[in-house]
Amino acid sequence: MMENHSYDNYLGMLGEDLGGLEVDSSGLPTATNPRAHGPAVRLEPFKGTVQLPGVPTQTWHASHIQWAGGACSGFVESIEQTLPGKDPTVAMRYWTESDLPFYYGLARTFALARCWFSSCLGPTFPNRRFLIAATAHGLIDDLPFGMVDYPEGGTIFDLLSAHGISWVNYHNVPAWQINLKRVLRARGVNFLRLLGAQLASIFPSLLKAVQSKVQATAELFPLGTLRSLNHLKTMDQFYADARRGSLPAFSIVDPDFGKTSEENPQDVRAGEQFASKVINAVMHGGGWGKTVLFWLYDEHGGYFDHVGPPPAVEPDGVAGENPLNRFPLLRLVLRLTPFPAQIDVADAGPSTYDRLGFRVPAVVVSPFSRKKFVSPTTYDHTSILKLVEQVWNLPSLTRRDDAATSPIDMLDLDGPPAFLVPPTLPTPGAGARS
């Protein structure tokens, strides 16, 4: 699971029949978004492969503005409203096959989902929580201060562990950083969370360091020290396990969230190179013949997509809430800083999880993947949970994964595997393009 790109932003130029953008006679996309002053903003290719810092935006509030009741007409407006002074046209830019040759080759080779939506209209942390627990459990932003909670139904890791099924979250974070984050979010140690907020008010750079950065996806609900030691492993271990064919039954592979996750202001080619290395390691490893790998994105990053997200089943009875409202003492501690006002803007909007987020790229890489197949089925991140639950006969975690559609239709389990001999995919783009 990579970060922060919509389907149209990456794969929109695959063609309308593959879920992409409508184009004019010159082959250019026709979609536009209005702006407060001046002509409408038309989609245009991104100049270069290095993104701009801090823009576009995919906060809870901004994502709901972008949705615009299904019209998908609020992408420019979301920047004008929530990031005044930033360039609002950045949301209407996209990359092409010349920028991302490996990804286009991946999408043209294996089974492609043209209606894979993120799980909620919000940023990274809530969507990654849906991937592992079928609920965001009230989280609507990427702030760590309130993240000492645990969902009533547990996570997919709880189910796997209870049934003796192996799992690992491979990551790129040094062990000391994982341990520091765990201490700051340890269950029952609320004073440390408050201390972190207090320090952030004195040292604003601390807040910048802890927000919007995932340490490891599995840690978005507290794992505890023993499970962290047993189930969080480095990427060097991943490549060794893939080569030997000794990957666990279930794996999550995290990019380096500061360098190769593809979040702005990173070079998107750095992420493509990382994904290519991971996918090729799996395809040419000892376990390829019995593997299903999903390549996808946590959310859209604020970049335009022309397909309105459909309604979704509420996962549970936990409403989304600004952490400063959940923990009023935090607001008091931070009262002399600009952060409360910024958080209030970012977290404004409904408190429900009754709608999916925008579409993201998603491809199923497997010997059993249907060749050049494009699925029109609606999926979200809990569809992966649904498949895991089918494979090992596990119960649902929430109402959301219970209602989810499994992506098993993207696999051909009846005939000979189409990709038992791994295909040769294009080489990723080399270095940043300016």
Protein backbone atom coordinates (compact mmCIF):
# COMPACT_ATOMS: atom_id res chain seq x y z
CA MET A 1 0.00 0.00 0.00
CA MET A 2 1.57 3.21 -1.26
CA GLU A 3 0.32 6.74 -0.50
CA ASN A 4 -1.75 9.61 -1.82
CA HIS A 5 -2.68 9.20 -5.48
CA SER A 6 -6.04 8.89 -7.19
CA TYR A 7 -6.80 6.56 -10.07
CA ASP A 8 -7.02 9.44 -12.57
CA ASN A 9 -3.86 11.04 -11.22
CA TYR A 10 -1.79 7.93 -12.06
CA LEU A 11 -3.76 5.72 -14.46
CA GLY A 12 -6.24 8.17 -15.99
CA MET A 13 -4.48 8.03 -19.36
CA LEU A 14 -4.98 4.27 -19.71
CA GLY A 15 -8.19 5.07 -21.59
CA GLU A 16 -11.90 5.37 -20.84
CA ASP A 17 -12.49 1.64 -21.34
CA LEU A 18 -10.02 0.98 -18.50
CA GLY A 19 -11.68 3.45 -16.15
CA GLY A 20 -9.64 6.44 -17.19
CA LEU A 21 -10.39 9.96 -18.35
CA GLU A 22 -12.49 11.20 -21.23
CA VAL A 23 -10.22 12.94 -23.75
CA ASP A 24 -10.77 15.36 -26.62
CA SER A 25 -9.70 15.00 -30.26
CA SER A 26 -6.14 15.95 -29.32
CA GLY A 27 -5.98 13.22 -26.67
CA LEU A 28 -6.11 15.61 -23.71
CA PRO A 29 -8.49 15.16 -20.75
CA THR A 30 -11.64 17.26 -20.85
CA ALA A 31 -12.39 17.35 -17.09
CA THR A 32 -12.37 20.71 -15.31
CA ASN A 33 -13.00 22.12 -11.84
CA PRO A 34 -14.25 25.64 -11.07
CA ARG A 35 -12.27 28.16 -9.06
CA ALA A 36 -13.48 31.08 -6.97
CA HIS A 37 -12.05 33.69 -9.36
CA GLY A 38 -11.06 33.17 -12.96
CA PRO A 39 -11.65 30.46 -15.55
CA ALA A 40 -12.23 26.81 -14.69
CA VAL A 41 -9.09 24.72 -14.21
CA ARG A 42 -8.57 21.96 -16.75
CA LEU A 43 -6.57 18.81 -16.11
CA GLU A 44 -3.00 19.03 -17.35
CA PRO A 45 0.12 16.84 -17.18
CA PHE A 46 2.39 17.37 -14.19
CA LYS A 47 5.62 19.11 -15.24
CA GLY A 48 8.22 16.80 -13.75
CA THR A 49 8.00 13.91 -11.32
CA VAL A 50 8.79 15.79 -8.07
CA GLN A 51 5.63 16.90 -6.28
CA LEU A 52 5.00 20.22 -4.60
CA PRO A 53 5.18 20.37 -0.79
CA GLY A 54 1.92 20.47 1.16
CA VAL A 55 -0.42 20.62 -1.82
CA PRO A 56 -2.90 19.26 -2.79
CA THR A 57 -4.61 18.22 0.43
CA GLN A 58 -6.61 15.18 1.52
CA THR A 59 -7.73 16.18 5.01
CA TRP A 60 -11.17 15.08 6.17
CA HIS A 61 -12.64 18.51 5.42
CA ALA A 62 -10.87 18.93 2.08
CA SER A 63 -11.91 15.46 0.87
CA HIS A 64 -15.57 16.19 1.59
CA ILE A 65 -15.30 19.51 -0.27
CA GLN A 66 -13.76 17.66 -3.23
CA TRP A 67 -16.59 15.13 -3.28
CA ALA A 68 -19.11 17.96 -3.69
CA GLY A 69 -22.14 15.72 -3.31
CA GLY A 70 -20.86 13.37 -6.02
CA ALA A 71 -19.97 15.99 -8.63
CA CYS A 72 -16.22 15.74 -7.86
CA SER A 73 -16.04 19.48 -8.54
CA GLY A 74 -14.40 20.71 -5.34
CA PHE A 75 -10.74 19.82 -5.82
CA VAL A 76 -9.62 23.36 -6.64
CA GLU A 77 -12.01 24.82 -4.09
CA SER A 78 -10.65 22.54 -1.34
CA ILE A 79 -7.23 24.18 -1.64
CA GLU A 80 -8.69 27.68 -1.89
CA GLN A 81 -10.70 27.10 1.28
CA THR A 82 -8.33 25.11 3.48
CA LEU A 83 -4.89 26.15 2.18
CA PRO A 84 -5.28 29.80 1.16
CA GLY A 85 -2.23 31.09 -0.66
CA LYS A 86 -1.30 27.67 -2.08
CA ASP A 87 -1.60 26.93 -5.79
CA PRO A 88 -5.12 25.46 -6.19
CA THR A 89 -4.44 24.11 -9.68
CA VAL A 90 -2.06 21.39 -8.45
CA ALA A 91 -5.01 19.09 -7.69
CA MET A 92 -5.79 19.04 -11.42
CA ARG A 93 -2.53 17.51 -12.59
CA TYR A 94 -1.69 13.96 -13.62
CA TRP A 95 1.16 11.73 -14.73
CA THR A 96 1.42 9.63 -17.88
CA GLU A 97 2.99 6.38 -19.00
CA SER A 98 6.21 8.15 -19.91
CA ASP A 99 6.53 9.19 -16.25
CA LEU A 100 5.43 5.87 -14.70
CA PRO A 101 6.20 3.10 -17.23
CA PHE A 102 6.34 0.30 -14.65
CA TYR A 103 2.91 1.14 -13.21
CA TYR A 104 1.30 1.35 -16.64
CA GLY A 105 2.85 -1.98 -17.59
CA LEU A 106 1.61 -3.50 -14.33
CA ALA A 107 -1.94 -2.26 -14.97
CA ARG A 108 -1.94 -3.54 -18.56
CA THR A 109 -0.61 -6.98 -17.62
CA PHE A 110 -2.36 -8.17 -14.46
CA ALA A 111 -5.96 -7.85 -13.28
CA LEU A 112 -6.82 -4.18 -12.76
CA ALA A 113 -9.59 -2.82 -10.50
CA ARG A 114 -11.05 0.35 -12.00
CA CYS A 115 -13.44 0.87 -9.07
CA TRP A 116 -11.22 0.35 -6.04
CA PHE A 117 -12.05 3.12 -3.58
CA SER A 118 -10.29 4.13 -0.40
CA SER A 119 -12.37 3.30 2.66
CA CYS A 120 -13.30 6.81 3.80
CA LEU A 121 -13.19 10.42 2.61
CA GLY A 122 -10.10 11.27 4.61
CA PRO A 123 -6.34 11.01 4.98
CA THR A 124 -3.79 8.25 5.53
CA PHE A 125 -4.23 7.03 9.10
CA PRO A 126 -8.02 6.44 9.00
CA ASN A 127 -7.75 4.59 5.69
CA ARG A 128 -4.89 2.38 6.84
CA ARG A 129 -6.89 1.59 9.97
CA PHE A 130 -9.69 0.35 7.71
CA LEU A 131 -7.15 -1.92 5.96
CA ILE A 132 -6.29 -3.68 9.22
CA ALA A 133 -9.50 -3.38 11.29
CA ALA A 134 -12.41 -2.49 8.95
CA THR A 135 -12.91 0.69 10.99
CA ALA A 136 -11.12 3.96 11.66
CA HIS A 137 -12.58 3.83 15.19
CA GLY A 138 -13.25 7.58 15.33
CA LEU A 139 -9.98 8.75 13.76
CA ILE A 140 -10.38 11.38 11.03
CA ASP A 141 -6.87 12.86 10.82
CA ASP A 142 -3.19 11.92 10.94
CA LEU A 143 -2.51 13.19 14.46
CA PRO A 144 -1.17 10.67 16.99
CA PHE A 145 -2.48 12.23 20.20
CA GLY A 146 -5.67 10.21 20.51
CA MET A 147 -4.35 6.95 19.13
CA VAL A 148 -4.38 4.85 22.28
CA ASP A 149 -7.73 3.30 21.40
CA TYR A 150 -8.51 -0.22 20.22
CA PRO A 151 -11.53 -1.43 18.22
CA GLU A 152 -14.04 -3.68 19.92
CA GLY A 153 -13.70 -6.36 17.23
CA GLY A 154 -9.90 -6.19 17.21
CA THR A 155 -7.78 -6.22 14.06
CA ILE A 156 -7.01 -8.75 11.37
CA PHE A 157 -3.78 -9.45 13.27
CA ASP A 158 -5.77 -10.55 16.31
CA LEU A 159 -7.74 -13.02 14.19
CA LEU A 160 -4.63 -14.37 12.48
CA SER A 161 -2.76 -14.78 15.76
CA ALA A 162 -5.73 -16.46 17.46
CA HIS A 163 -5.79 -19.10 14.73
CA GLY A 164 -2.03 -19.64 14.50
CA ILE A 165 -1.71 -17.97 11.08
CA SER A 166 1.64 -16.24 10.53
CA TRP A 167 1.83 -12.53 9.69
CA VAL A 168 4.46 -9.79 9.41
CA ASN A 169 4.47 -6.05 8.71
CA TYR A 170 7.71 -5.32 6.83
CA HIS A 171 8.83 -1.70 7.17
CA ASN A 172 11.64 0.80 6.55
CA VAL A 173 11.82 2.42 10.00
CA PRO A 174 14.80 2.11 12.36
CA ALA A 175 13.94 0.15 15.50
CA TRP A 176 14.49 3.13 17.84
CA GLN A 177 11.84 5.16 16.01
CA ILE A 178 9.32 2.33 16.23
CA ASN A 179 10.01 2.00 19.96
CA LEU A 180 9.72 5.76 20.59
CA LYS A 181 6.39 5.93 18.78
CA ARG A 182 5.14 2.94 20.76
CA VAL A 183 6.06 4.58 24.07
CA LEU A 184 4.31 7.81 23.12
CA ARG A 185 1.15 5.91 22.23
CA ALA A 186 1.21 3.08 24.77
CA ARG A 187 -2.21 2.02 25.97
CA GLY A 188 -3.01 3.40 29.39
CA VAL A 189 -0.10 5.86 29.43
CA ASN A 190 -2.20 8.91 28.67
CA PHE A 191 0.11 11.33 30.41
CA LEU A 192 2.76 10.64 27.75
CA ARG A 193 0.33 11.60 25.03
CA LEU A 194 -0.36 14.86 26.85
CA LEU A 195 3.35 15.37 27.39
CA GLY A 196 3.88 14.94 23.66
CA ALA A 197 1.27 17.62 22.98
CA GLN A 198 2.84 19.91 25.55
CA LEU A 199 6.27 19.47 24.00
CA ALA A 200 4.77 20.12 20.58
CA SER A 201 3.50 23.49 21.78
CA ILE A 202 7.05 24.38 22.82
CA PHE A 203 8.81 22.77 19.87
CA PRO A 204 6.56 23.03 16.78
CA SER A 205 8.98 20.91 14.76
CA LEU A 206 8.07 17.97 17.02
CA LEU A 207 4.45 18.17 15.93
CA LYS A 208 5.54 18.23 12.30
CA ALA A 209 7.68 15.15 12.93
CA VAL A 210 4.92 13.05 14.49
CA GLN A 211 1.96 13.98 12.31
CA SER A 212 1.27 12.60 8.84
CA LYS A 213 4.04 10.00 9.14
CA VAL A 214 3.27 6.33 9.48
CA GLN A 215 5.85 4.28 11.39
CA ALA A 216 4.35 0.92 10.41
CA THR A 217 0.78 0.24 9.32
CA ALA A 218 0.23 -2.41 11.99
CA GLU A 219 1.04 0.17 14.69
CA LEU A 220 -2.00 2.33 13.86
CA PHE A 221 -3.67 0.37 16.63
CA PRO A 222 -1.25 -0.31 19.53
CA LEU A 223 0.46 -3.66 19.03
CA GLY A 224 2.28 -3.95 22.33
CA THR A 225 5.99 -4.66 22.75
CA LEU A 226 5.94 -8.44 22.33
CA ARG A 227 3.84 -8.43 19.17
CA SER A 228 5.95 -5.61 17.74
CA LEU A 229 9.12 -7.61 18.28
CA ASN A 230 7.59 -10.71 16.72
CA HIS A 231 5.73 -9.16 13.80
CA LEU A 232 7.53 -5.97 12.69
CA LYS A 233 10.49 -6.79 10.46
CA THR A 234 12.81 -4.80 8.19
CA MET A 235 12.78 -4.66 4.40
CA ASP A 236 16.10 -6.50 4.30
CA GLN A 237 14.29 -9.39 5.98
CA PHE A 238 11.46 -9.09 3.43
CA TYR A 239 13.79 -9.46 0.46
CA ALA A 240 15.48 -12.45 2.11
CA ASP A 241 12.12 -14.09 2.91
CA ALA A 242 10.79 -13.45 -0.59
CA ARG A 243 13.90 -14.95 -2.18
CA ARG A 244 13.66 -18.09 -0.04
CA GLY A 245 9.91 -18.43 -0.44
CA SER A 246 9.47 -18.11 3.33
CA LEU A 247 7.16 -15.11 3.52
CA PRO A 248 4.45 -15.52 6.20
CA ALA A 249 0.86 -16.38 5.33
CA PHE A 250 -0.10 -12.68 5.41
CA SER A 251 2.22 -9.70 4.90
CA ILE A 252 1.96 -5.93 4.74
CA VAL A 253 4.89 -4.22 3.03
CA ASP A 254 5.35 -0.55 3.91
CA PRO A 255 7.41 1.91 1.86
CA ASP A 256 9.75 4.42 3.47
CA PHE A 257 7.09 7.00 4.31
CA GLY A 258 9.59 9.85 4.09
CA LYS A 259 11.18 8.88 0.77
CA THR A 260 9.41 6.22 -1.30
CA SER A 261 5.72 6.30 -0.31
CA GLU A 262 4.89 8.83 -3.10
CA GLU A 263 3.36 11.37 -0.72
CA ASN A 264 4.17 14.98 -1.62
CA PRO A 265 6.77 16.44 -1.93
CA GLN A 266 8.45 13.17 -2.94
CA ASP A 267 9.55 12.18 -6.43
CA VAL A 268 6.92 9.70 -7.65
CA ARG A 269 9.59 7.78 -9.52
CA ALA A 270 11.32 6.90 -6.24
CA GLY A 271 8.13 5.16 -5.11
CA GLU A 272 7.72 3.41 -8.45
CA GLN A 273 11.27 2.07 -8.14
CA PHE A 274 10.54 0.76 -4.63
CA ALA A 275 7.29 -0.90 -5.74
CA SER A 276 9.06 -2.45 -8.73
CA LYS A 277 11.74 -3.90 -6.46
CA VAL A 278 9.13 -5.40 -4.11
CA ILE A 279 6.96 -6.83 -6.88
CA ASN A 280 9.90 -8.30 -8.78
CA ALA A 281 11.24 -9.84 -5.55
CA VAL A 282 7.92 -11.61 -5.07
CA MET A 283 7.54 -12.65 -8.71
CA HIS A 284 11.03 -14.17 -8.83
CA GLY A 285 11.02 -15.56 -5.29
CA GLY A 286 10.49 -19.09 -4.09
CA GLY A 287 6.85 -18.55 -3.07
CA TRP A 288 5.55 -16.97 -6.27
CA GLY A 289 3.46 -19.98 -7.28
CA LYS A 290 1.17 -19.59 -4.24
CA THR A 291 1.12 -15.81 -3.78
CA VAL A 292 -1.44 -13.03 -4.26
CA LEU A 293 -0.03 -9.51 -4.02
CA PHE A 294 -2.12 -6.34 -3.99
CA TRP A 295 -0.54 -3.08 -5.18
CA LEU A 296 -2.70 -0.13 -4.17
CA TYR A 297 -2.86 3.28 -2.41
CA ASP A 298 -4.25 4.31 0.96
CA GLU A 299 -6.07 7.38 -0.39
CA HIS A 300 -6.11 9.89 -3.25
CA GLY A 301 -3.81 12.58 -1.83
CA GLY A 302 -6.16 15.39 -2.89
CA TYR A 303 -5.60 14.72 -6.61
CA PHE A 304 -8.62 14.81 -8.94
CA ASP A 305 -10.70 11.77 -9.77
CA HIS A 306 -13.83 11.92 -11.89
CA VAL A 307 -15.77 9.06 -10.23
CA GLY A 308 -17.85 9.98 -7.20
CA PRO A 309 -17.36 7.66 -4.20
CA PRO A 310 -20.45 5.53 -3.47
CA PRO A 311 -22.23 5.14 -0.11
CA ALA A 312 -20.73 2.68 2.36
CA VAL A 313 -21.87 0.66 5.34
CA GLU A 314 -21.06 2.31 8.67
CA PRO A 315 -18.50 -0.01 10.30
CA ASP A 316 -19.64 0.42 13.89
CA GLY A 317 -21.16 2.94 16.27
CA VAL A 318 -17.98 5.00 16.72
CA ALA A 319 -18.32 8.51 15.30
CA GLY A 320 -15.45 10.43 13.76
CA GLU A 321 -14.16 13.19 16.00
CA ASN A 322 -11.55 15.94 16.18
CA PRO A 323 -9.03 14.80 18.86
CA LEU A 324 -9.11 18.26 20.45
CA ASN A 325 -12.80 17.73 21.13
CA ARG A 326 -12.24 14.20 22.38
CA PHE A 327 -9.47 15.37 24.72
CA PRO A 328 -10.25 18.99 25.73
CA LEU A 329 -7.06 19.21 27.76
CA LEU A 330 -5.11 19.02 24.50
CA ARG A 331 -6.85 22.15 23.27
CA LEU A 332 -5.95 23.86 26.52
CA VAL A 333 -2.29 22.81 26.26
CA LEU A 334 -2.06 23.98 22.64
CA ARG A 335 -4.08 27.18 23.11
CA LEU A 336 -1.13 29.53 22.51
CA THR A 337 -0.14 27.84 19.24
CA PRO A 338 -1.76 28.00 15.78
CA PHE A 339 -2.41 24.24 15.83
CA PRO A 340 -5.97 24.19 17.25
CA ALA A 341 -7.25 26.44 14.46
CA GLN A 342 -5.43 24.37 11.84
CA ILE A 343 -6.77 21.10 13.23
CA ASP A 344 -10.32 22.51 13.42
CA VAL A 345 -10.16 23.43 9.72
CA ALA A 346 -8.71 20.06 8.71
CA ASP A 347 -11.25 18.04 10.72
CA ALA A 348 -14.43 19.97 9.94
CA GLY A 349 -17.29 18.05 8.33
CA PRO A 350 -19.53 15.07 9.07
CA SER A 351 -18.81 12.55 11.79
CA THR A 352 -19.89 9.48 9.80
CA TYR A 353 -18.06 6.83 7.77
CA ASP A 354 -21.03 6.19 5.49
CA ARG A 355 -19.23 6.91 2.20
CA LEU A 356 -16.14 5.47 0.56
CA GLY A 357 -13.21 7.69 -0.40
CA PHE A 358 -11.98 8.42 -3.92
CA ARG A 359 -10.71 5.75 -6.31
CA VAL A 360 -7.10 4.63 -6.09
CA PRO A 361 -4.95 2.49 -8.40
CA ALA A 362 -5.18 -1.23 -7.55
CA VAL A 363 -3.71 -4.25 -9.35
CA VAL A 364 -3.69 -7.92 -8.28
CA VAL A 365 -0.26 -9.43 -8.99
CA SER A 366 -0.37 -13.22 -8.88
CA PRO A 367 0.15 -16.34 -10.99
CA PHE A 368 -3.65 -16.64 -10.77
CA SER A 369 -4.40 -13.04 -11.80
CA ARG A 370 -6.79 -12.82 -14.74
CA LYS A 371 -4.78 -11.75 -17.75
CA LYS A 372 -5.51 -8.19 -18.95
CA PHE A 373 -8.73 -8.24 -16.91
CA VAL A 374 -10.42 -5.02 -15.80
CA SER A 375 -12.87 -5.47 -12.95
CA PRO A 376 -15.86 -3.10 -12.80
CA THR A 377 -16.72 -4.27 -9.26
CA THR A 378 -16.72 -1.79 -6.38
CA TYR A 379 -14.05 -2.61 -3.79
CA ASP A 380 -12.48 -0.80 -0.88
CA HIS A 381 -9.59 -1.68 1.45
CA THR A 382 -11.82 -3.95 3.53
CA SER A 383 -12.17 -6.14 0.43
CA ILE A 384 -8.69 -7.43 1.27
CA LEU A 385 -9.94 -8.34 4.75
CA LYS A 386 -12.89 -10.09 3.13
CA LEU A 387 -10.54 -12.23 1.02
CA VAL A 388 -8.33 -13.06 4.02
CA GLU A 389 -11.44 -14.06 5.97
CA GLN A 390 -12.56 -16.28 3.08
CA VAL A 391 -9.18 -17.98 2.74
CA TRP A 392 -8.93 -18.91 6.43
CA ASN A 393 -12.63 -19.06 7.32
CA LEU A 394 -12.39 -16.15 9.78
CA PRO A 395 -15.27 -14.01 11.10
CA SER A 396 -15.83 -10.40 10.07
CA LEU A 397 -14.36 -7.63 12.18
CA THR A 398 -17.11 -5.02 11.62
CA ARG A 399 -20.18 -4.43 9.50
CA ARG A 400 -17.95 -2.89 6.82
CA ASP A 401 -15.87 -5.95 5.97
CA ASP A 402 -18.95 -8.14 6.42
CA ALA A 403 -20.60 -6.18 3.59
CA ALA A 404 -17.43 -5.87 1.45
CA THR A 405 -16.99 -7.63 -1.88
CA SER A 406 -14.04 -9.98 -2.09
CA PRO A 407 -11.68 -9.39 -5.05
CA ILE A 408 -11.55 -13.12 -5.69
CA ASP A 409 -13.22 -12.49 -9.08
CA MET A 410 -9.90 -10.98 -10.21
CA LEU A 411 -8.30 -14.42 -9.86
CA ASP A 412 -8.75 -17.43 -12.12
CA LEU A 413 -8.61 -20.44 -9.82
CA ASP A 414 -10.02 -22.93 -12.33
CA GLY A 415 -7.64 -22.98 -15.28
CA PRO A 416 -3.83 -23.12 -15.45
CA PRO A 417 -2.25 -20.01 -13.87
CA ALA A 418 -1.64 -17.42 -16.57
CA PHE A 419 1.48 -16.03 -14.90
CA LEU A 420 3.18 -19.06 -13.36
CA VAL A 421 6.16 -17.89 -15.40
CA PRO A 422 6.50 -14.27 -14.26
CA PRO A 423 6.06 -11.70 -17.03
CA THR A 424 8.73 -9.13 -17.83
CA LEU A 425 7.47 -5.70 -16.80
CA PRO A 426 8.78 -2.31 -17.97
CA THR A 427 11.70 -0.78 -16.13
CA PRO A 428 10.64 2.08 -13.85
CA GLY A 429 11.59 5.63 -14.75
CA ALA A 430 15.12 6.52 -13.70
CA GLY A 431 15.57 9.56 -11.47
CA ALA A 432 13.53 12.69 -11.11
CA ARG A 433 12.25 14.44 -14.24
CA SER A 434 12.09 18.21 -14.01
